[in-house]
N, C-alpha and C. Protein backbone atom coordinates (compact mmCIF):
# COMPACT_ATOMS: atom_id res chain seq x y z
N MET A 1 59.40 90.27 223.99
CA MET A 1 60.37 91.19 224.08
C MET A 1 59.86 92.48 223.04
N LYS A 2 60.20 93.65 223.80
CA LYS A 2 59.52 94.97 222.95
C LYS A 2 60.62 95.33 221.90
N THR A 3 60.21 95.85 221.16
CA THR A 3 61.06 96.27 219.76
C THR A 3 61.55 97.45 220.33
N LEU A 4 62.36 98.22 219.45
CA LEU A 4 62.84 99.77 219.66
C LEU A 4 61.80 100.48 219.65
N SER A 5 60.98 100.34 218.73
CA SER A 5 59.82 101.29 218.62
C SER A 5 58.85 101.21 219.82
N ASP A 6 58.65 100.14 220.38
CA ASP A 6 57.79 99.75 221.64
C ASP A 6 58.57 100.65 222.79
N VAL A 7 59.86 100.63 222.94
CA VAL A 7 60.32 101.24 223.93
C VAL A 7 60.37 102.93 223.79
N LYS A 8 60.62 103.32 222.20
CA LYS A 8 60.39 104.65 222.16
C LYS A 8 58.93 105.19 222.43
N GLN A 9 57.98 104.48 222.13
CA GLN A 9 56.68 104.88 222.31
C GLN A 9 56.32 104.93 223.96
N ASP A 10 56.73 103.89 224.61
CA ASP A 10 56.44 103.80 226.16
C ASP A 10 57.12 104.82 226.76
N MET A 11 58.21 105.40 226.35
CA MET A 11 59.10 106.66 226.95
C MET A 11 58.41 107.91 226.51
N SER A 12 57.78 107.81 225.38
CA SER A 12 57.12 109.08 225.06
C SER A 12 55.83 109.06 225.73
N GLU A 13 55.32 108.16 226.03
CA GLU A 13 53.90 108.18 226.97
C GLU A 13 54.23 108.29 228.39
N LEU A 14 55.47 107.81 229.00
CA LEU A 14 55.75 107.89 230.11
C LEU A 14 56.32 109.65 230.48
N TYR A 15 56.92 110.23 229.31
CA TYR A 15 56.87 111.80 229.28
C TYR A 15 55.79 112.45 229.68
N ASP A 16 54.81 112.16 228.74
CA ASP A 16 53.49 112.83 228.87
C ASP A 16 52.90 112.66 230.10
N GLN A 17 52.94 111.45 230.80
CA GLN A 17 52.27 111.27 231.87
C GLN A 17 53.05 111.90 232.93
N LEU A 18 54.31 112.03 233.03
CA LEU A 18 55.25 112.83 234.00
C LEU A 18 54.84 114.34 233.87
N LYS A 19 54.73 114.90 232.62
CA LYS A 19 54.60 116.17 232.26
C LYS A 19 53.23 116.71 233.07
N SER A 20 52.31 115.76 232.82
CA SER A 20 50.98 116.09 233.21
C SER A 20 50.71 115.66 234.53
N GLY A 21 51.50 115.20 235.38
CA GLY A 21 51.42 114.84 236.94
C GLY A 21 50.95 113.58 237.12
N GLN A 22 50.55 112.60 236.21
CA GLN A 22 49.94 111.49 236.17
C GLN A 22 50.84 110.37 236.86
N VAL A 23 52.14 110.48 236.77
CA VAL A 23 53.00 109.49 237.53
C VAL A 23 54.15 110.27 238.12
N ASP A 24 54.72 109.90 239.36
CA ASP A 24 55.71 110.56 240.16
C ASP A 24 56.87 110.32 239.55
N LEU A 25 57.78 111.52 239.89
CA LEU A 25 59.24 111.28 239.47
C LEU A 25 59.88 110.18 239.79
N LYS A 26 60.02 109.88 240.94
CA LYS A 26 60.65 108.52 241.26
C LYS A 26 59.97 107.34 240.39
N THR A 27 59.12 107.06 239.97
CA THR A 27 58.44 106.09 239.39
C THR A 27 58.91 106.20 237.77
N ALA A 28 59.00 107.47 237.25
CA ALA A 28 59.36 107.67 236.08
C ALA A 28 60.63 107.27 235.95
N ALA A 29 61.43 107.65 236.80
CA ALA A 29 63.14 107.84 236.93
C ALA A 29 63.67 106.21 236.75
N GLU A 30 62.90 105.23 237.55
CA GLU A 30 62.98 103.90 237.67
C GLU A 30 62.66 103.26 236.16
N LEU A 31 61.50 103.76 235.84
CA LEU A 31 61.18 103.05 234.43
C LEU A 31 62.22 103.72 233.38
N ALA A 32 62.70 104.83 233.63
CA ALA A 32 63.62 105.41 232.49
C ALA A 32 64.73 104.49 232.86
N ASN A 33 65.27 104.32 233.77
CA ASN A 33 66.52 103.50 234.10
C ASN A 33 66.38 102.03 233.68
N ILE A 34 65.49 101.54 233.63
CA ILE A 34 64.93 100.16 233.09
C ILE A 34 65.07 100.29 231.63
N SER A 35 64.47 101.16 230.92
CA SER A 35 64.53 101.27 229.71
C SER A 35 66.07 101.15 229.01
N GLY A 36 66.71 102.34 229.79
CA GLY A 36 68.10 102.63 229.35
C GLY A 36 68.97 101.33 229.60
N LYS A 37 68.72 100.45 230.25
CA LYS A 37 69.43 99.06 230.58
C LYS A 37 68.95 98.14 229.35
N PHE A 38 67.59 97.90 228.95
CA PHE A 38 67.24 97.40 227.80
C PHE A 38 67.90 97.74 226.52
N LEU A 39 68.21 99.22 226.47
CA LEU A 39 68.79 99.84 225.03
C LEU A 39 70.09 99.52 225.13
N LYS A 40 70.82 99.45 226.20
CA LYS A 40 72.30 99.08 226.59
C LYS A 40 72.52 97.67 226.02
N ALA A 41 71.62 96.88 226.55
CA ALA A 41 71.77 95.52 226.12
C ALA A 41 71.54 95.29 224.54
N GLU A 42 70.71 95.85 224.00
CA GLU A 42 70.43 95.73 222.58
C GLU A 42 71.68 96.40 221.68
N GLN A 43 72.08 97.49 222.20
CA GLN A 43 73.30 98.08 221.54
C GLN A 43 74.36 97.17 221.73
N LEU A 44 74.78 96.34 222.92
CA LEU A 44 75.81 95.46 223.13
C LEU A 44 75.59 94.31 222.17
N GLU A 45 74.19 94.06 221.67
CA GLU A 45 74.16 92.68 220.93
C GLU A 45 74.32 92.95 219.66
N LEU A 46 74.10 94.51 219.03
CA LEU A 46 74.24 94.74 217.78
C LEU A 46 75.77 94.97 217.63
N ALA A 47 76.44 95.55 218.61
CA ALA A 47 78.13 95.52 218.42
C ALA A 47 78.52 94.43 218.20
N THR A 48 78.12 93.46 219.06
CA THR A 48 78.94 92.14 219.02
C THR A 48 78.56 91.43 217.59
N ALA A 49 77.31 91.59 217.16
CA ALA A 49 76.93 90.97 215.80
C ALA A 49 78.04 91.65 214.67
N VAL A 50 77.95 92.91 214.56
CA VAL A 50 78.87 93.74 213.58
C VAL A 50 80.36 93.21 213.99
N PHE A 51 80.68 93.12 215.06
CA PHE A 51 82.07 92.69 215.37
C PHE A 51 82.38 91.34 214.72
N LEU A 52 81.54 90.34 215.10
CA LEU A 52 81.52 89.07 214.55
C LEU A 52 80.98 88.89 213.11
N ASN A 53 80.56 89.94 212.44
CA ASN A 53 79.87 89.76 211.11
C ASN A 53 78.85 88.63 211.02
N THR A 54 77.93 88.77 212.08
CA THR A 54 77.07 87.63 211.95
C THR A 54 75.62 88.60 211.81
N PRO A 55 74.62 87.95 211.52
CA PRO A 55 73.11 88.60 211.62
C PRO A 55 72.75 88.59 213.06
N SER A 56 72.30 89.92 213.41
CA SER A 56 71.48 89.86 214.63
C SER A 56 70.16 90.00 214.61
N LYS A 57 69.48 89.74 216.07
CA LYS A 57 68.06 90.06 216.01
C LYS A 57 67.73 91.56 215.63
N PHE A 58 68.49 92.41 216.05
CA PHE A 58 68.10 93.66 215.87
C PHE A 58 68.00 94.07 214.35
N ILE A 59 69.16 93.79 213.60
CA ILE A 59 69.15 94.03 212.20
C ILE A 59 68.01 93.11 211.67
N ALA A 60 67.65 92.23 212.05
CA ALA A 60 66.58 91.38 211.34
C ALA A 60 65.25 92.00 211.44
N ASP A 61 65.07 92.78 212.59
CA ASP A 61 64.00 93.26 212.82
C ASP A 61 63.76 94.72 212.50
N SER A 62 64.90 95.32 211.95
CA SER A 62 64.56 96.39 211.33
C SER A 62 64.20 96.60 209.94
N THR A 63 64.43 97.82 209.37
CA THR A 63 63.77 97.98 207.76
C THR A 63 64.52 97.03 207.16
N SER A 64 63.98 96.75 205.84
CA SER A 64 64.60 95.83 204.91
C SER A 64 65.56 96.61 204.07
N LYS A 65 65.98 98.00 204.36
CA LYS A 65 66.94 98.53 203.60
C LYS A 65 68.18 97.95 203.40
N ARG A 66 68.73 97.76 202.22
CA ARG A 66 70.11 97.13 202.30
C ARG A 66 71.21 98.07 202.17
N ILE A 67 72.25 97.86 202.35
CA ILE A 67 73.82 98.70 202.41
C ILE A 67 74.55 97.91 201.36
N PRO A 68 75.69 98.59 200.86
CA PRO A 68 76.41 97.96 200.02
C PRO A 68 76.96 96.43 200.17
N ASP A 69 77.16 96.35 201.54
CA ASP A 69 77.72 94.91 201.74
C ASP A 69 76.56 93.79 201.81
N ASN A 70 75.35 94.23 201.41
CA ASN A 70 74.13 93.47 201.50
C ASN A 70 73.79 92.95 203.05
N ARG A 71 74.14 93.63 204.02
CA ARG A 71 73.75 93.41 205.30
C ARG A 71 72.35 94.27 205.35
N VAL A 72 71.45 93.79 206.32
CA VAL A 72 70.01 94.39 206.41
C VAL A 72 70.40 95.39 207.58
N ILE A 73 69.95 96.73 207.42
CA ILE A 73 69.95 97.53 208.54
C ILE A 73 68.55 98.16 208.61
């Protein structure tokens, strides 16, 4: 599974390819749509974890910076 950083990098590369004409608009739109769905799924998982006050995969994969209630963000 890709990390958020991987998706951001992929979208940056896709933008550059679209801008230079290496990929057509329809393909770029479909890939962006798929990435948006991936990000929405991650957002839902994070919101569920916060609501249930349980650790989530996203939080564990993020930086190890701690906030006052000792959750990893």
